[in-house]
Every structure is written in C-alpha cells, then in structure tokens.
Amino acid sequence: MAAAPFARLFGIAGRRAVESVVPRRTFDDVVLPPATRRALDLALSQVTQHDLIFNRWGLAERHPTGTALAFNFAGPPGTGKTICAEAIAHSLGLRLLVVRYADPLALMRELRAMGAANALRARRKAPLRRATLLRALALYQQRFALPNGRVPASFEIITLTAWAPHESQQQPLQPGTATMRLADALGTVEQPLPRRR
C-alpha cells in the first residue's frame, strides 16, 4: 500500500500513484557475468561498511562533496537493470518505490515535465500527429497496463558528480605507509588488475 507521505505528495487519485514495496528478487534471481557480480559485491560492501569508512576512519570530515554512494545502471531495455536494483534493495533491507500512472498520456506528461522527453538532436522536428499519438497510447495501454488499468514506469536515476582539486581535500599517504588494507576493512577479496601486454 502507498505510504501516507507519498499519497500527499503525489496524489493517489490523481495522475500517478506511488507505492512503497518490499523487494522480493534476490541475487539468486539474477544472472550476471562474474566481473559484474564482483563489482556489485564490492559496491554493496562499501554500503554496509559505510560507518567504518566515513565515520570511524574520518573520511566524512575530509570529503567535501558528500558521502553518498549511487548505483548507476545503463543499457537497453530487458538487460536486467530493474532486477539488479531490486536485488540490491533486498540485500540492503530497503524498500522500493513503484510509480503507476493513470494512463500512458499521464506518464508522457510526467516525462516531459521531468525533462525526459526526446533529447536526440536527430529527432523529428515536426509536431506529432494526433492519430500517431492516439495509436501509441492505445498500444502502450494494451501491452503494459496493470489489471486496475494503471501503467507502471521504471526510471533510472543518474547522479553526476564533479570535483576540482582543493587544498582541503585529503591527500594520499606515501606508498607503503597504510596500516590497513581497504579490501580487509571491506571484507572482500582484492581483485588484481589485468596485466597489460
């Protein structure tokens, strides 16, 4: 069921409904190349060891851009981005937010309002014909509508971070002066880089 704050924010009876759900898929449901799985395991260990790295080691005091970790998935539809996100949320004990729109047109309006309309330079410049729009709406409703008539949408949120050197930033230690290996602190196995030929 939708959480009350989201109901007030988005309006359940309106164009969209937001539901907070417990993820069911785990990494047992995901087929990943070994290198991708290792990268996800390493990222998850950084999340679970966040307190150690940022608070006990003091990185939060020296990191001027924040201490958040973002998972960014990219790829065409059907490559497992949503399943991976659900598995990550499950492994961290987090809930997912599922957005369902009253109809495809409400979804399209929302995408345009978010600035997520077609950004291609080579896109068609002429206005969309009404008949084309109505046919697209009918097909989307037919193929993706839920039993209650609403249409779901999944979004990939991309976070961009930029930085510039500053004297207040933490400086690297001299090689060989560390008192603990990062891989040991994270409880992972260090993966050596492939040798260059």
C-alpha atoms as a PDB file:
ATOM      1  CA  MET A   1       0.000   0.000   0.000  1.00  0.00           C
ATOM      2  CA  ALA A   2       1.094   3.580  -0.546  1.00  0.00           C
ATOM      3  CA  ALA A   3       2.714   5.320   2.360  1.00  0.00           C
ATOM      4  CA  ALA A   4       0.821   8.393   3.605  1.00  0.00           C
ATOM      5  CA  PRO A   5       3.587  10.967   2.856  1.00  0.00           C
ATOM      6  CA  PHE A   6       3.766   9.788  -0.739  1.00  0.00           C
ATOM      7  CA  ALA A   7      -0.017   9.890  -1.038  1.00  0.00           C
ATOM      8  CA  ARG A   8       0.023  13.564  -0.030  1.00  0.00           C
ATOM      9  CA  LEU A   9       2.991  14.350  -2.249  1.00  0.00           C
ATOM     10  CA  PHE A  10       1.871  12.627  -5.428  1.00  0.00           C
ATOM     11  CA  GLY A  11      -1.904  12.263  -5.049  1.00  0.00           C
ATOM     12  CA  ILE A  12      -3.111   8.654  -5.242  1.00  0.00           C
ATOM     13  CA  ALA A  13      -6.340   9.585  -7.010  1.00  0.00           C
ATOM     14  CA  GLY A  14      -4.504  11.806  -9.459  1.00  0.00           C
ATOM     15  CA  ARG A  15      -2.265  11.112 -12.397  1.00  0.00           C
ATOM     16  CA  ARG A  16       0.190   8.903 -10.526  1.00  0.00           C
ATOM     17  CA  ALA A  17       0.331   6.653  -7.508  1.00  0.00           C
ATOM     18  CA  VAL A  18       3.469   5.773  -5.582  1.00  0.00           C
ATOM     19  CA  GLU A  19       3.685   2.564  -3.642  1.00  0.00           C
ATOM     20  CA  SER A  20       6.401   1.516  -1.242  1.00  0.00           C
ATOM     21  CA  VAL A  21       7.044  -2.212  -1.686  1.00  0.00           C
ATOM     22  CA  VAL A  22       9.336  -4.810  -0.148  1.00  0.00           C
ATOM     23  CA  PRO A  23      11.643  -6.191  -2.870  1.00  0.00           C
ATOM     24  CA  ARG A  24      11.281  -9.926  -3.490  1.00  0.00           C
ATOM     25  CA  ARG A  25      14.033 -10.634  -6.020  1.00  0.00           C
ATOM     26  CA  THR A  26      17.492 -11.513  -4.744  1.00  0.00           C
ATOM     27  CA  PHE A  27      20.836 -12.045  -6.426  1.00  0.00           C
ATOM     28  CA  ASP A  28      19.830 -15.717  -6.776  1.00  0.00           C
ATOM     29  CA  ASP A  29      17.318 -14.484  -9.398  1.00  0.00           C
ATOM     30  CA  VAL A  30      19.907 -12.522 -11.382  1.00  0.00           C
ATOM     31  CA  VAL A  31      22.298 -13.958 -13.963  1.00  0.00           C
ATOM     32  CA  LEU A  32      25.391 -11.761 -14.138  1.00  0.00           C
ATOM     33  CA  PRO A  33      28.868 -12.082 -15.610  1.00  0.00           C
ATOM     34  CA  PRO A  34      31.375 -12.822 -12.809  1.00  0.00           C
ATOM     35  CA  ALA A  35      33.117  -9.437 -13.175  1.00  0.00           C
ATOM     36  CA  THR A  36      29.804  -7.561 -12.868  1.00  0.00           C
ATOM     37  CA  ARG A  37      28.822  -9.589  -9.796  1.00  0.00           C
ATOM     38  CA  ARG A  38      32.187  -8.859  -8.161  1.00  0.00           C
ATOM     39  CA  ALA A  39      31.737  -5.129  -8.852  1.00  0.00           C
ATOM     40  CA  LEU A  40      28.245  -5.200  -7.289  1.00  0.00           C
ATOM     41  CA  ASP A  41      29.523  -7.140  -4.260  1.00  0.00           C
ATOM     42  CA  LEU A  42      32.295  -4.580  -3.778  1.00  0.00           C
ATOM     43  CA  ALA A  43      29.837  -1.678  -4.033  1.00  0.00           C
ATOM     44  CA  LEU A  44      27.486  -3.372  -1.555  1.00  0.00           C
ATOM     45  CA  SER A  45      30.342  -3.894   0.890  1.00  0.00           C
ATOM     46  CA  GLN A  46      31.055  -0.158   0.685  1.00  0.00           C
ATOM     47  CA  VAL A  47      27.438   0.493   1.654  1.00  0.00           C
ATOM     48  CA  THR A  48      27.449  -1.993   4.533  1.00  0.00           C
ATOM     49  CA  GLN A  49      30.826  -0.690   5.762  1.00  0.00           C
ATOM     50  CA  HIS A  50      29.827   2.976   5.364  1.00  0.00           C
ATOM     51  CA  ASP A  51      30.133   3.734   9.085  1.00  0.00           C
ATOM     52  CA  LEU A  52      33.665   2.326   9.240  1.00  0.00           C
ATOM     53  CA  ILE A  53      34.908   4.177   6.155  1.00  0.00           C
ATOM     54  CA  PHE A  54      33.245   7.562   6.641  1.00  0.00           C
ATOM     55  CA  ASN A  55      32.816   7.883  10.398  1.00  0.00           C
ATOM     56  CA  ARG A  56      35.465   5.775  12.172  1.00  0.00           C
ATOM     57  CA  TRP A  57      38.169   6.408   9.570  1.00  0.00           C
ATOM     58  CA  GLY A  58      37.140  10.074   9.284  1.00  0.00           C
ATOM     59  CA  LEU A  59      36.624  10.256   5.529  1.00  0.00           C
ATOM     60  CA  ALA A  60      33.336  12.165   6.023  1.00  0.00           C
ATOM     61  CA  GLU A  61      35.275  15.071   7.585  1.00  0.00           C
ATOM     62  CA  ARG A  62      37.565  15.325   4.566  1.00  0.00           C
ATOM     63  CA  HIS A  63      35.155  14.570   1.750  1.00  0.00           C
ATOM     64  CA  PRO A  64      33.629  17.928   0.724  1.00  0.00           C
ATOM     65  CA  THR A  65      31.167  16.536  -1.838  1.00  0.00           C
ATOM     66  CA  GLY A  66      29.188  14.216   0.430  1.00  0.00           C
ATOM     67  CA  THR A  67      29.222  10.595   1.468  1.00  0.00           C
ATOM     68  CA  ALA A  68      26.506   9.006  -0.665  1.00  0.00           C
ATOM     69  CA  LEU A  69      27.005   6.004  -2.922  1.00  0.00           C
ATOM     70  CA  ALA A  70      24.952   5.694  -6.112  1.00  0.00           C
ATOM     71  CA  PHE A  71      24.385   2.622  -8.254  1.00  0.00           C
ATOM     72  CA  ASN A  72      24.047   3.610 -11.904  1.00  0.00           C
ATOM     73  CA  PHE A  73      22.830   1.028 -14.400  1.00  0.00           C
ATOM     74  CA  ALA A  74      22.846   1.661 -18.122  1.00  0.00           C
ATOM     75  CA  GLY A  75      21.761  -0.444 -21.062  1.00  0.00           C
ATOM     76  CA  PRO A  76      18.869  -1.187 -23.348  1.00  0.00           C
ATOM     77  CA  PRO A  77      15.532  -2.477 -22.035  1.00  0.00           C
ATOM     78  CA  GLY A  78      15.474  -6.101 -20.950  1.00  0.00           C
ATOM     79  CA  THR A  79      19.092  -6.317 -19.778  1.00  0.00           C
ATOM     80  CA  GLY A  80      18.304  -6.723 -16.065  1.00  0.00           C
ATOM     81  CA  LYS A  81      18.729  -3.204 -14.668  1.00  0.00           C
ATOM     82  CA  THR A  82      15.446  -3.287 -12.733  1.00  0.00           C
ATOM     83  CA  ILE A  83      16.028  -6.811 -11.387  1.00  0.00           C
ATOM     84  CA  CYS A  84      19.529  -5.807 -10.209  1.00  0.00           C
ATOM     85  CA  ALA A  85      18.116  -2.721  -8.473  1.00  0.00           C
ATOM     86  CA  GLU A  86      15.533  -4.893  -6.718  1.00  0.00           C
ATOM     87  CA  ALA A  87      18.195  -7.419  -5.659  1.00  0.00           C
ATOM     88  CA  ILE A  88      20.362  -4.604  -4.262  1.00  0.00           C
ATOM     89  CA  ALA A  89      17.429  -3.160  -2.314  1.00  0.00           C
ATOM     90  CA  HIS A  90      16.610  -6.655  -1.000  1.00  0.00           C
ATOM     91  CA  SER A  91      20.177  -7.310   0.138  1.00  0.00           C
ATOM     92  CA  LEU A  92      20.296  -3.934   1.943  1.00  0.00           C
ATOM     93  CA  GLY A  93      16.854  -4.350   3.522  1.00  0.00           C
ATOM     94  CA  LEU A  94      15.462  -1.299   1.697  1.00  0.00           C
ATOM     95  CA  ARG A  95      12.044  -0.746   0.141  1.00  0.00           C
ATOM     96  CA  LEU A  96      11.362   0.202  -3.469  1.00  0.00           C
ATOM     97  CA  LEU A  97       9.132   2.975  -4.740  1.00  0.00           C
ATOM     98  CA  VAL A  98       6.905   1.865  -7.628  1.00  0.00           C
ATOM     99  CA  VAL A  99       5.214   4.578  -9.672  1.00  0.00           C
ATOM    100  CA  ARG A 100       1.966   3.797 -11.533  1.00  0.00           C
ATOM    101  CA  TYR A 101       0.257   6.304 -13.802  1.00  0.00           C
ATOM    102  CA  ALA A 102      -3.451   6.644 -14.551  1.00  0.00           C
ATOM    103  CA  ASP A 103      -2.803   6.215 -18.280  1.00  0.00           C
ATOM    104  CA  PRO A 104       0.035   6.454 -20.828  1.00  0.00           C
ATOM    105  CA  LEU A 105      -0.693  10.133 -21.510  1.00  0.00           C
ATOM    106  CA  ALA A 106      -0.179  10.974 -17.815  1.00  0.00           C
ATOM    107  CA  LEU A 107       3.158   9.140 -17.982  1.00  0.00           C
ATOM    108  CA  MET A 108       4.151  11.097 -21.101  1.00  0.00           C
ATOM    109  CA  ARG A 109       3.220  14.400 -19.441  1.00  0.00           C
ATOM    110  CA  GLU A 110       5.330  13.464 -16.421  1.00  0.00           C
ATOM    111  CA  LEU A 111       8.324  12.530 -18.589  1.00  0.00           C
ATOM    112  CA  ARG A 112       8.102  15.863 -20.376  1.00  0.00           C
ATOM    113  CA  ALA A 113       7.813  17.745 -17.058  1.00  0.00           C
ATOM    114  CA  MET A 114      10.933  15.916 -15.783  1.00  0.00           C
ATOM    115  CA  GLY A 115      12.820  16.971 -18.891  1.00  0.00           C
ATOM    116  CA  ALA A 116      12.984  13.350 -20.031  1.00  0.00           C
ATOM    117  CA  ALA A 117      11.447  13.913 -23.449  1.00  0.00           C
ATOM    118  CA  ASN A 118      13.352  13.016 -26.609  1.00  0.00           C
ATOM    119  CA  ALA A 119      16.729  14.741 -26.368  1.00  0.00           C
ATOM    120  CA  LEU A 120      18.153  13.405 -29.618  1.00  0.00           C
ATOM    121  CA  ARG A 121      19.500  16.047 -31.982  1.00  0.00           C
ATOM    122  CA  ALA A 122      18.276  13.996 -34.948  1.00  0.00           C
ATOM    123  CA  ARG A 123      14.692  13.782 -33.681  1.00  0.00           C
ATOM    124  CA  ARG A 124      11.817  14.779 -35.918  1.00  0.00           C
ATOM    125  CA  LYS A 125      11.106  18.499 -35.519  1.00  0.00           C
ATOM    126  CA  ALA A 126       7.516  18.456 -36.801  1.00  0.00           C
ATOM    127  CA  PRO A 127       4.734  18.115 -34.191  1.00  0.00           C
ATOM    128  CA  LEU A 128       3.469  14.597 -33.575  1.00  0.00           C
ATOM    129  CA  ARG A 129       0.285  13.823 -35.490  1.00  0.00           C
ATOM    130  CA  ARG A 130      -2.776  13.261 -33.320  1.00  0.00           C
ATOM    131  CA  ALA A 131      -3.504   9.868 -34.944  1.00  0.00           C
ATOM    132  CA  THR A 132       0.060   8.690 -34.224  1.00  0.00           C
ATOM    133  CA  LEU A 133      -0.184   9.766 -30.582  1.00  0.00           C
ATOM    134  CA  LEU A 134      -3.572   8.091 -30.078  1.00  0.00           C
ATOM    135  CA  ARG A 135      -2.305   4.837 -31.629  1.00  0.00           C
ATOM    136  CA  ALA A 136       0.829   4.889 -29.445  1.00  0.00           C
ATOM    137  CA  LEU A 137      -1.286   5.480 -26.324  1.00  0.00           C
ATOM    138  CA  ALA A 138      -3.616   2.589 -27.228  1.00  0.00           C
ATOM    139  CA  LEU A 139      -0.704   0.204 -27.859  1.00  0.00           C
ATOM    140  CA  TYR A 140       1.044   1.175 -24.622  1.00  0.00           C
ATOM    141  CA  GLN A 141      -2.156   0.680 -22.628  1.00  0.00           C
ATOM    142  CA  GLN A 142      -2.790  -2.680 -24.328  1.00  0.00           C
ATOM    143  CA  ARG A 143       0.738  -4.016 -23.750  1.00  0.00           C
ATOM    144  CA  PHE A 144       1.669  -2.657 -20.327  1.00  0.00           C
ATOM    145  CA  ALA A 145      -1.478  -1.816 -18.334  1.00  0.00           C
ATOM    146  CA  LEU A 146      -1.974  -3.471 -14.958  1.00  0.00           C
ATOM    147  CA  PRO A 147      -5.293  -5.154 -14.067  1.00  0.00           C
ATOM    148  CA  ASN A 148      -6.505  -1.881 -12.492  1.00  0.00           C
ATOM    149  CA  GLY A 149      -5.785  -0.007 -15.761  1.00  0.00           C
ATOM    150  CA  ARG A 150      -2.799   1.965 -14.467  1.00  0.00           C
ATOM    151  CA  VAL A 151       0.532   1.805 -16.298  1.00  0.00           C
ATOM    152  CA  PRO A 152       3.818   1.294 -14.445  1.00  0.00           C
ATOM    153  CA  ALA A 153       7.046   3.096 -15.207  1.00  0.00           C
ATOM    154  CA  SER A 154      10.602   2.444 -14.131  1.00  0.00           C
ATOM    155  CA  PHE A 155      13.181   5.187 -14.093  1.00  0.00           C
ATOM    156  CA  GLU A 156      16.934   5.003 -13.980  1.00  0.00           C
ATOM    157  CA  ILE A 157      18.232   7.879 -11.904  1.00  0.00           C
ATOM    158  CA  ILE A 158      21.685   9.057 -12.936  1.00  0.00           C
ATOM    159  CA  THR A 159      23.783  11.047 -10.492  1.00  0.00           C
ATOM    160  CA  LEU A 160      26.649  13.129 -11.837  1.00  0.00           C
ATOM    161  CA  THR A 161      29.429  14.290  -9.558  1.00  0.00           C
ATOM    162  CA  ALA A 162      32.136  16.775 -10.434  1.00  0.00           C
ATOM    163  CA  TRP A 163      35.079  17.960  -8.385  1.00  0.00           C
ATOM    164  CA  ALA A 164      38.099  20.181  -8.624  1.00  0.00           C
ATOM    165  CA  PRO A 165      41.341  19.893  -6.658  1.00  0.00           C
ATOM    166  CA  HIS A 166      41.410  21.888  -3.416  1.00  0.00           C
ATOM    167  CA  GLU A 167      43.958  22.144  -0.611  1.00  0.00           C
ATOM    168  CA  SER A 168      41.339  20.987   1.949  1.00  0.00           C
ATOM    169  CA  GLN A 169      40.984  17.590   0.291  1.00  0.00           C
ATOM    170  CA  GLN A 170      42.526  14.534   1.867  1.00  0.00           C
ATOM    171  CA  GLN A 171      45.992  13.872   0.444  1.00  0.00           C
ATOM    172  CA  PRO A 172      47.184  10.353  -0.354  1.00  0.00           C
ATOM    173  CA  LEU A 173      49.611   8.704   2.020  1.00  0.00           C
ATOM    174  CA  GLN A 174      53.065   7.747   0.885  1.00  0.00           C
ATOM    175  CA  PRO A 175      53.089   4.242  -0.672  1.00  0.00           C
ATOM    176  CA  GLY A 176      53.681   1.575   1.955  1.00  0.00           C
ATOM    177  CA  THR A 177      52.568   3.666   4.975  1.00  0.00           C
ATOM    178  CA  ALA A 178      48.999   2.353   5.282  1.00  0.00           C
ATOM    179  CA  THR A 179      48.136   0.487   8.470  1.00  0.00           C
ATOM    180  CA  MET A 180      45.212  -1.492   6.984  1.00  0.00           C
ATOM    181  CA  ARG A 181      44.217  -2.674   3.518  1.00  0.00           C
ATOM    182  CA  LEU A 182      40.875  -1.385   2.187  1.00  0.00           C
ATOM    183  CA  ALA A 183      39.961  -4.886   0.968  1.00  0.00           C
ATOM    184  CA  ASP A 184      40.408  -6.229   4.535  1.00  0.00           C
ATOM    185  CA  ALA A 185      38.259  -3.458   6.016  1.00  0.00           C
ATOM    186  CA  LEU A 186      35.509  -4.140   3.470  1.00  0.00           C
ATOM    187  CA  GLY A 187      35.732  -7.894   3.974  1.00  0.00           C
ATOM    188  CA  THR A 188      36.338  -8.542   0.284  1.00  0.00           C
ATOM    189  CA  VAL A 189      38.986 -10.227  -1.793  1.00  0.00           C
ATOM    190  CA  GLU A 190      41.260  -7.845  -3.657  1.00  0.00           C
ATOM    191  CA  GLN A 191      40.923  -8.221  -7.411  1.00  0.00           C
ATOM    192  CA  PRO A 192      44.208  -7.522  -9.213  1.00  0.00           C
ATOM    193  CA  LEU A 193      44.084  -5.520 -12.402  1.00  0.00           C
ATOM    194  CA  PRO A 194      44.692  -7.446 -15.632  1.00  0.00           C
ATOM    195  CA  ARG A 195      48.273  -7.231 -16.818  1.00  0.00           C
ATOM    196  CA  ARG A 196      48.966  -5.012 -19.782  1.00  0.00           C
ATOM    197  CA  ARG A 197      50.533  -6.638 -22.803  1.00  0.00           C
END
